[in-house]
All heavy atoms as atom14 arrays in JSON, in Angstrom:
{
  "sequence": "SIGRNRIIRRAFHNFGYTVIQLHRISIGCIQLGNLEF",
  "atom14_mask": [
    [1, 1, 1, 1, 1, 1, 0, 0, 0, 0, 0, 0, 0, 0],
    [1, 1, 1, 1, 1, 1, 1, 1, 0, 0, 0, 0, 0, 0],
    [1, 1, 1, 1, 0, 0, 0, 0, 0, 0, 0, 0, 0, 0],
    [1, 1, 1, 1, 1, 1, 1, 1, 1, 1, 1, 0, 0, 0],
    [1, 1, 1, 1, 1, 1, 1, 1, 0, 0, 0, 0, 0, 0],
    [1, 1, 1, 1, 1, 1, 1, 1, 1, 1, 1, 0, 0, 0],
    [1, 1, 1, 1, 1, 1, 1, 1, 0, 0, 0, 0, 0, 0],
    [1, 1, 1, 1, 1, 1, 1, 1, 0, 0, 0, 0, 0, 0],
    [1, 1, 1, 1, 1, 1, 1, 1, 1, 1, 1, 0, 0, 0],
    [1, 1, 1, 1, 1, 1, 1, 1, 1, 1, 1, 0, 0, 0],
    [1, 1, 1, 1, 1, 0, 0, 0, 0, 0, 0, 0, 0, 0],
    [1, 1, 1, 1, 1, 1, 1, 1, 1, 1, 1, 0, 0, 0],
    [1, 1, 1, 1, 1, 1, 1, 1, 1, 1, 0, 0, 0, 0],
    [1, 1, 1, 1, 1, 1, 1, 1, 0, 0, 0, 0, 0, 0],
    [1, 1, 1, 1, 1, 1, 1, 1, 1, 1, 1, 0, 0, 0],
    [1, 1, 1, 1, 0, 0, 0, 0, 0, 0, 0, 0, 0, 0],
    [1, 1, 1, 1, 1, 1, 1, 1, 1, 1, 1, 1, 0, 0],
    [1, 1, 1, 1, 1, 1, 1, 0, 0, 0, 0, 0, 0, 0],
    [1, 1, 1, 1, 1, 1, 1, 0, 0, 0, 0, 0, 0, 0],
    [1, 1, 1, 1, 1, 1, 1, 1, 0, 0, 0, 0, 0, 0],
    [1, 1, 1, 1, 1, 1, 1, 1, 1, 0, 0, 0, 0, 0],
    [1, 1, 1, 1, 1, 1, 1, 1, 0, 0, 0, 0, 0, 0],
    [1, 1, 1, 1, 1, 1, 1, 1, 1, 1, 0, 0, 0, 0],
    [1, 1, 1, 1, 1, 1, 1, 1, 1, 1, 1, 0, 0, 0],
    [1, 1, 1, 1, 1, 1, 1, 1, 0, 0, 0, 0, 0, 0],
    [1, 1, 1, 1, 1, 1, 0, 0, 0, 0, 0, 0, 0, 0],
    [1, 1, 1, 1, 1, 1, 1, 1, 0, 0, 0, 0, 0, 0],
    [1, 1, 1, 1, 0, 0, 0, 0, 0, 0, 0, 0, 0, 0],
    [1, 1, 1, 1, 1, 1, 0, 0, 0, 0, 0, 0, 0, 0],
    [1, 1, 1, 1, 1, 1, 1, 1, 0, 0, 0, 0, 0, 0],
    [1, 1, 1, 1, 1, 1, 1, 1, 1, 0, 0, 0, 0, 0],
    [1, 1, 1, 1, 1, 1, 1, 1, 0, 0, 0, 0, 0, 0],
    [1, 1, 1, 1, 0, 0, 0, 0, 0, 0, 0, 0, 0, 0],
    [1, 1, 1, 1, 1, 1, 1, 1, 0, 0, 0, 0, 0, 0],
    [1, 1, 1, 1, 1, 1, 1, 1, 0, 0, 0, 0, 0, 0],
    [1, 1, 1, 1, 1, 1, 1, 1, 1, 0, 0, 0, 0, 0],
    [1, 1, 1, 1, 1, 1, 1, 1, 1, 1, 1, 0, 0, 0]
  ],
  "atom14_positions": [
    [[3.23, -6.73, 38.28], [2.57, -6.13, 39.44], [1.2, -6.75, 39.71], [0.63, -6.53, 40.76], [2.43, -4.63, 39.26], [1.71, -4.35, 38.1], [0.0, 0.0, 0.0], [0.0, 0.0, 0.0], [0.0, 0.0, 0.0], [0.0, 0.0, 0.0], [0.0, 0.0, 0.0], [0.0, 0.0, 0.0], [0.0, 0.0, 0.0], [0.0, 0.0, 0.0]],
    [[0.69, -7.49, 38.75], [-0.61, -8.14, 38.94], [-0.54, -9.54, 38.33], [0.01, -9.72, 37.25], [-1.75, -7.32, 38.32], [-3.09, -7.92, 38.7], [-1.61, -7.2, 36.83], [-4.25, -6.97, 38.46], [0.0, 0.0, 0.0], [0.0, 0.0, 0.0], [0.0, 0.0, 0.0], [0.0, 0.0, 0.0], [0.0, 0.0, 0.0], [0.0, 0.0, 0.0]],
    [[-1.04, -10.51, 39.06], [-1.0, -11.88, 38.57], [-2.38, -12.35, 38.17], [-3.28, -12.42, 38.99], [0.0, 0.0, 0.0], [0.0, 0.0, 0.0], [0.0, 0.0, 0.0], [0.0, 0.0, 0.0], [0.0, 0.0, 0.0], [0.0, 0.0, 0.0], [0.0, 0.0, 0.0], [0.0, 0.0, 0.0], [0.0, 0.0, 0.0], [0.0, 0.0, 0.0]],
    [[-2.55, -12.63, 36.9], [-3.79, -13.21, 36.42], [-3.46, -14.58, 35.83], [-2.3, -14.9, 35.59], [-4.44, -12.3, 35.37], [-4.87, -10.96, 35.94], [-5.78, -10.2, 35.01], [-5.23, -9.94, 33.7], [-4.68, -8.78, 33.33], [-4.57, -7.79, 34.18], [-4.22, -8.62, 32.11], [0.0, 0.0, 0.0], [0.0, 0.0, 0.0], [0.0, 0.0, 0.0]],
    [[-4.48, -15.36, 35.59], [-4.3, -16.73, 35.13], [-3.36, -16.81, 33.92], [-3.65, -16.24, 32.87], [-5.67, -17.32, 34.78], [-5.6, -18.78, 34.42], [-4.76, -19.49, 34.95], [-6.47, -19.22, 33.55], [0.0, 0.0, 0.0], [0.0, 0.0, 0.0], [0.0, 0.0, 0.0], [0.0, 0.0, 0.0], [0.0, 0.0, 0.0], [0.0, 0.0, 0.0]],
    [[-2.24, -17.5, 34.09], [-1.26, -17.76, 33.04], [-0.81, -16.49, 32.31], [-0.53, -16.51, 31.12], [-1.81, -18.78, 32.05], [-2.15, -20.12, 32.7], [-2.77, -21.11, 31.74], [-2.0, -21.33, 30.55], [-1.01, -22.2, 30.41], [-0.65, -22.93, 31.43], [-0.39, -22.33, 29.26], [0.0, 0.0, 0.0], [0.0, 0.0, 0.0], [0.0, 0.0, 0.0]],
    [[-0.74, -15.37, 33.01], [-0.49, -14.07, 32.39], [0.84, -14.02, 31.65], [0.93, -13.47, 30.55], [-0.6, -12.92, 33.43], [-0.64, -11.56, 32.73], [0.52, -12.97, 34.44], [-1.9, -11.28, 32.02], [0.0, 0.0, 0.0], [0.0, 0.0, 0.0], [0.0, 0.0, 0.0], [0.0, 0.0, 0.0], [0.0, 0.0, 0.0], [0.0, 0.0, 0.0]],
    [[1.88, -14.59, 32.21], [3.19, -14.54, 31.56], [3.18, -15.4, 30.31], [3.62, -14.97, 29.24], [4.3, -14.96, 32.53], [4.39, -13.93, 33.67], [5.64, -15.1, 31.81], [5.34, -14.31, 34.78], [0.0, 0.0, 0.0], [0.0, 0.0, 0.0], [0.0, 0.0, 0.0], [0.0, 0.0, 0.0], [0.0, 0.0, 0.0], [0.0, 0.0, 0.0]],
    [[2.68, -16.6, 30.41], [2.63, -17.49, 29.24], [1.79, -16.89, 28.12], [2.18, -16.91, 26.95], [2.08, -18.86, 29.63], [3.0, -19.64, 30.54], [2.43, -21.03, 30.81], [3.16, -21.71, 31.85], [4.31, -22.37, 31.66], [4.84, -22.43, 30.47], [4.92, -22.96, 32.67], [0.0, 0.0, 0.0], [0.0, 0.0, 0.0], [0.0, 0.0, 0.0]],
    [[0.63, -16.33, 28.46], [-0.24, -15.76, 27.44], [0.39, -14.53, 26.79], [0.3, -14.35, 25.57], [-1.6, -15.4, 28.04], [-2.41, -16.63, 28.44], [-3.83, -16.3, 28.88], [-3.85, -15.48, 30.09], [-4.49, -14.33, 30.17], [-5.17, -13.84, 29.16], [-4.49, -13.64, 31.29], [0.0, 0.0, 0.0], [0.0, 0.0, 0.0], [0.0, 0.0, 0.0]],
    [[1.02, -13.69, 27.59], [1.62, -12.48, 27.04], [2.77, -12.82, 26.09], [2.86, -12.28, 24.99], [2.13, -11.58, 28.17], [0.0, 0.0, 0.0], [0.0, 0.0, 0.0], [0.0, 0.0, 0.0], [0.0, 0.0, 0.0], [0.0, 0.0, 0.0], [0.0, 0.0, 0.0], [0.0, 0.0, 0.0], [0.0, 0.0, 0.0], [0.0, 0.0, 0.0]],
    [[3.64, -13.72, 26.5], [4.76, -14.09, 25.62], [4.28, -14.82, 24.38], [4.86, -14.67, 23.31], [5.79, -14.91, 26.4], [6.75, -14.05, 27.16], [6.4, -13.48, 28.36], [8.02, -13.79, 26.66], [7.27, -12.67, 29.06], [8.91, -12.99, 27.34], [8.53, -12.41, 28.54], [0.0, 0.0, 0.0], [0.0, 0.0, 0.0], [0.0, 0.0, 0.0]],
    [[3.2, -15.59, 24.5], [2.63, -16.26, 23.33], [2.17, -15.22, 22.3], [2.33, -15.43, 21.09], [1.46, -17.14, 23.76], [0.78, -17.82, 22.62], [1.35, -18.88, 21.94], [-0.4, -17.57, 22.02], [0.53, -19.26, 20.97], [-0.55, -18.48, 21.0], [0.0, 0.0, 0.0], [0.0, 0.0, 0.0], [0.0, 0.0, 0.0], [0.0, 0.0, 0.0]],
    [[1.61, -14.1, 22.77], [1.18, -13.04, 21.85], [2.33, -12.47, 21.04], [2.12, -11.95, 19.94], [0.48, -11.91, 22.61], [-0.93, -12.26, 23.0], [-1.52, -13.16, 22.44], [-1.45, -11.57, 23.98], [0.0, 0.0, 0.0], [0.0, 0.0, 0.0], [0.0, 0.0, 0.0], [0.0, 0.0, 0.0], [0.0, 0.0, 0.0], [0.0, 0.0, 0.0]],
    [[3.55, -12.54, 21.58], [4.74, -12.04, 20.87], [5.47, -13.15, 20.11], [6.54, -12.93, 19.56], [5.7, -11.37, 21.85], [5.16, -10.1, 22.44], [4.83, -10.04, 23.77], [4.94, -8.98, 21.65], [4.33, -8.87, 24.33], [4.44, -7.81, 22.18], [4.13, -7.75, 23.54], [0.0, 0.0, 0.0], [0.0, 0.0, 0.0], [0.0, 0.0, 0.0]],
    [[4.9, -14.36, 20.1], [5.49, -15.45, 19.34], [6.51, -16.28, 20.11], [7.24, -17.06, 19.5], [0.0, 0.0, 0.0], [0.0, 0.0, 0.0], [0.0, 0.0, 0.0], [0.0, 0.0, 0.0], [0.0, 0.0, 0.0], [0.0, 0.0, 0.0], [0.0, 0.0, 0.0], [0.0, 0.0, 0.0], [0.0, 0.0, 0.0], [0.0, 0.0, 0.0]],
    [[6.54, -16.15, 21.43], [7.48, -16.92, 22.25], [6.73, -18.0, 23.01], [5.55, -17.86, 23.34], [8.2, -16.03, 23.26], [9.11, -15.01, 22.62], [8.69, -13.7, 22.43], [10.38, -15.36, 22.21], [9.52, -12.76, 21.84], [11.22, -14.44, 21.62], [10.78, -13.14, 21.44], [11.61, -12.22, 20.86], [0.0, 0.0, 0.0], [0.0, 0.0, 0.0]],
    [[7.45, -19.08, 23.34], [6.9, -20.14, 24.18], [7.64, -20.15, 25.49], [8.87, -20.23, 25.51], [7.05, -21.51, 23.5], [6.36, -21.48, 22.25], [6.48, -22.62, 24.36], [0.0, 0.0, 0.0], [0.0, 0.0, 0.0], [0.0, 0.0, 0.0], [0.0, 0.0, 0.0], [0.0, 0.0, 0.0], [0.0, 0.0, 0.0], [0.0, 0.0, 0.0]],
    [[6.92, -20.05, 26.59], [7.52, -20.13, 27.92], [7.61, -21.6, 28.28], [6.59, -22.3, 28.33], [6.7, -19.35, 28.96], [7.27, -19.55, 30.35], [6.63, -17.88, 28.59], [0.0, 0.0, 0.0], [0.0, 0.0, 0.0], [0.0, 0.0, 0.0], [0.0, 0.0, 0.0], [0.0, 0.0, 0.0], [0.0, 0.0, 0.0], [0.0, 0.0, 0.0]],
    [[8.82, -22.07, 28.52], [9.03, -23.48, 28.83], [8.99, -23.73, 30.33], [8.44, -24.72, 30.79], [10.38, -23.96, 28.25], [10.33, -23.82, 26.73], [10.69, -25.38, 28.68], [11.65, -24.04, 26.05], [0.0, 0.0, 0.0], [0.0, 0.0, 0.0], [0.0, 0.0, 0.0], [0.0, 0.0, 0.0], [0.0, 0.0, 0.0], [0.0, 0.0, 0.0]],
    [[9.53, -22.8, 31.11], [9.58, -23.0, 32.55], [9.47, -21.66, 33.25], [10.06, -20.67, 32.82], [10.9, -23.67, 32.93], [11.03, -24.0, 34.39], [12.34, -24.72, 34.68], [13.25, -24.72, 33.87], [12.41, -25.34, 35.83], [0.0, 0.0, 0.0], [0.0, 0.0, 0.0], [0.0, 0.0, 0.0], [0.0, 0.0, 0.0], [0.0, 0.0, 0.0]],
    [[8.69, -21.63, 34.34], [8.57, -20.44, 35.19], [9.02, -20.8, 36.59], [8.81, -21.92, 37.05], [7.12, -19.96, 35.25], [6.54, -19.34, 34.0], [5.05, -19.08, 34.2], [7.26, -18.06, 33.67], [0.0, 0.0, 0.0], [0.0, 0.0, 0.0], [0.0, 0.0, 0.0], [0.0, 0.0, 0.0], [0.0, 0.0, 0.0], [0.0, 0.0, 0.0]],
    [[9.6, -19.83, 37.24], [10.03, -20.04, 38.62], [9.75, -18.76, 39.39], [10.34, -17.72, 39.11], [11.53, -20.37, 38.66], [12.06, -20.6, 40.02], [11.83, -21.76, 40.72], [12.79, -19.81, 40.83], [12.43, -21.67, 41.9], [13.01, -20.5, 41.99], [0.0, 0.0, 0.0], [0.0, 0.0, 0.0], [0.0, 0.0, 0.0], [0.0, 0.0, 0.0]],
    [[8.82, -18.81, 40.34], [8.5, -17.63, 41.14], [9.6, -17.44, 42.18], [9.98, -18.39, 42.87], [7.16, -17.82, 41.85], [6.76, -16.6, 42.67], [5.54, -16.88, 43.51], [4.4, -17.3, 42.73], [3.39, -16.51, 42.4], [3.39, -15.26, 42.77], [2.38, -16.98, 41.68], [0.0, 0.0, 0.0], [0.0, 0.0, 0.0], [0.0, 0.0, 0.0]],
    [[10.11, -16.21, 42.29], [11.16, -15.96, 43.27], [10.65, -15.14, 44.45], [11.3, -15.09, 45.49], [12.4, -15.28, 42.64], [12.04, -13.96, 41.98], [13.06, -16.22, 41.65], [13.24, -13.19, 41.49], [0.0, 0.0, 0.0], [0.0, 0.0, 0.0], [0.0, 0.0, 0.0], [0.0, 0.0, 0.0], [0.0, 0.0, 0.0], [0.0, 0.0, 0.0]],
    [[9.48, -14.52, 44.28], [8.89, -13.79, 45.4], [7.42, -13.54, 45.14], [6.95, -13.62, 44.02], [9.61, -12.46, 45.63], [9.37, -11.58, 44.57], [0.0, 0.0, 0.0], [0.0, 0.0, 0.0], [0.0, 0.0, 0.0], [0.0, 0.0, 0.0], [0.0, 0.0, 0.0], [0.0, 0.0, 0.0], [0.0, 0.0, 0.0], [0.0, 0.0, 0.0]],
    [[6.72, -13.26, 46.22], [5.35, -12.78, 46.14], [5.22, -11.72, 47.22], [5.4, -12.0, 48.4], [4.3, -13.9, 46.3], [2.9, -13.33, 46.18], [4.48, -14.68, 47.56], [1.81, -14.36, 46.04], [0.0, 0.0, 0.0], [0.0, 0.0, 0.0], [0.0, 0.0, 0.0], [0.0, 0.0, 0.0], [0.0, 0.0, 0.0], [0.0, 0.0, 0.0]],
    [[4.98, -10.51, 46.79], [4.95, -9.4, 47.75], [6.28, -9.27, 48.45], [7.33, -9.24, 47.82], [0.0, 0.0, 0.0], [0.0, 0.0, 0.0], [0.0, 0.0, 0.0], [0.0, 0.0, 0.0], [0.0, 0.0, 0.0], [0.0, 0.0, 0.0], [0.0, 0.0, 0.0], [0.0, 0.0, 0.0], [0.0, 0.0, 0.0], [0.0, 0.0, 0.0]],
    [[6.25, -9.23, 49.77], [7.47, -9.06, 50.55], [8.17, -10.38, 50.86], [9.26, -10.39, 51.45], [7.15, -8.32, 51.85], [5.99, -9.22, 52.9], [0.0, 0.0, 0.0], [0.0, 0.0, 0.0], [0.0, 0.0, 0.0], [0.0, 0.0, 0.0], [0.0, 0.0, 0.0], [0.0, 0.0, 0.0], [0.0, 0.0, 0.0], [0.0, 0.0, 0.0]],
    [[7.6, -11.5, 50.47], [8.18, -12.8, 50.78], [9.11, -13.22, 49.65], [8.69, -13.36, 48.5], [7.08, -13.86, 50.99], [6.21, -13.45, 52.17], [7.69, -15.23, 51.21], [5.02, -14.33, 52.39], [0.0, 0.0, 0.0], [0.0, 0.0, 0.0], [0.0, 0.0, 0.0], [0.0, 0.0, 0.0], [0.0, 0.0, 0.0], [0.0, 0.0, 0.0]],
    [[10.37, -13.43, 49.98], [11.39, -13.85, 49.03], [11.66, -15.34, 49.18], [11.76, -15.84, 50.3], [12.7, -13.08, 49.27], [12.57, -11.59, 49.14], [12.41, -11.17, 47.69], [13.05, -11.72, 46.8], [11.56, -10.19, 47.47], [0.0, 0.0, 0.0], [0.0, 0.0, 0.0], [0.0, 0.0, 0.0], [0.0, 0.0, 0.0], [0.0, 0.0, 0.0]],
    [[11.8, -16.04, 48.07], [12.1, -17.46, 48.11], [13.51, -17.69, 48.64], [13.76, -18.61, 49.4], [11.95, -18.07, 46.72], [12.15, -19.57, 46.62], [11.11, -20.3, 47.46], [12.09, -20.02, 45.18], [0.0, 0.0, 0.0], [0.0, 0.0, 0.0], [0.0, 0.0, 0.0], [0.0, 0.0, 0.0], [0.0, 0.0, 0.0], [0.0, 0.0, 0.0]],
    [[14.44, -16.84, 48.24], [15.82, -16.96, 48.71], [16.46, -18.27, 48.28], [16.29, -18.7, 47.13], [0.0, 0.0, 0.0], [0.0, 0.0, 0.0], [0.0, 0.0, 0.0], [0.0, 0.0, 0.0], [0.0, 0.0, 0.0], [0.0, 0.0, 0.0], [0.0, 0.0, 0.0], [0.0, 0.0, 0.0], [0.0, 0.0, 0.0], [0.0, 0.0, 0.0]],
    [[17.15, -18.93, 49.18], [17.87, -20.17, 48.88], [17.07, -21.42, 49.25], [17.65, -22.5, 49.37], [19.22, -20.19, 49.6], [20.14, -19.12, 49.07], [20.12, -18.8, 47.89], [20.94, -18.55, 49.94], [0.0, 0.0, 0.0], [0.0, 0.0, 0.0], [0.0, 0.0, 0.0], [0.0, 0.0, 0.0], [0.0, 0.0, 0.0], [0.0, 0.0, 0.0]],
    [[15.77, -21.28, 49.43], [14.94, -22.43, 49.78], [14.98, -23.46, 48.66], [14.72, -23.14, 47.51], [13.5, -21.96, 50.03], [12.56, -22.96, 50.69], [13.05, -23.3, 52.09], [11.17, -22.37, 50.75], [0.0, 0.0, 0.0], [0.0, 0.0, 0.0], [0.0, 0.0, 0.0], [0.0, 0.0, 0.0], [0.0, 0.0, 0.0], [0.0, 0.0, 0.0]],
    [[15.32, -24.69, 49.0], [15.46, -25.73, 47.99], [14.1, -26.22, 47.51], [13.11, -26.13, 48.21], [16.27, -26.9, 48.56], [17.71, -26.53, 48.85], [18.52, -27.73, 49.34], [18.18, -28.87, 48.98], [19.49, -27.5, 50.07], [0.0, 0.0, 0.0], [0.0, 0.0, 0.0], [0.0, 0.0, 0.0], [0.0, 0.0, 0.0], [0.0, 0.0, 0.0]],
    [[14.1, -26.77, 46.3], [12.89, -27.29, 45.68], [12.23, -28.32, 46.59], [12.89, -29.21, 47.12], [13.23, -27.93, 44.33], [12.03, -28.46, 43.6], [11.19, -27.6, 42.92], [11.74, -29.81, 43.62], [10.08, -28.09, 42.26], [10.63, -30.31, 42.97], [9.81, -29.43, 42.28], [0.0, 0.0, 0.0], [0.0, 0.0, 0.0], [0.0, 0.0, 0.0]]
  ]
}
């Protein structure tokens, strides 16, 4: 619900996991949908 600098990577690191790849699928009401890279 809130995005801070590298929040997902830092949080998972605290639990001993490494995030290799992230992919945002939406921000607020805007959905990425089938939009190609």
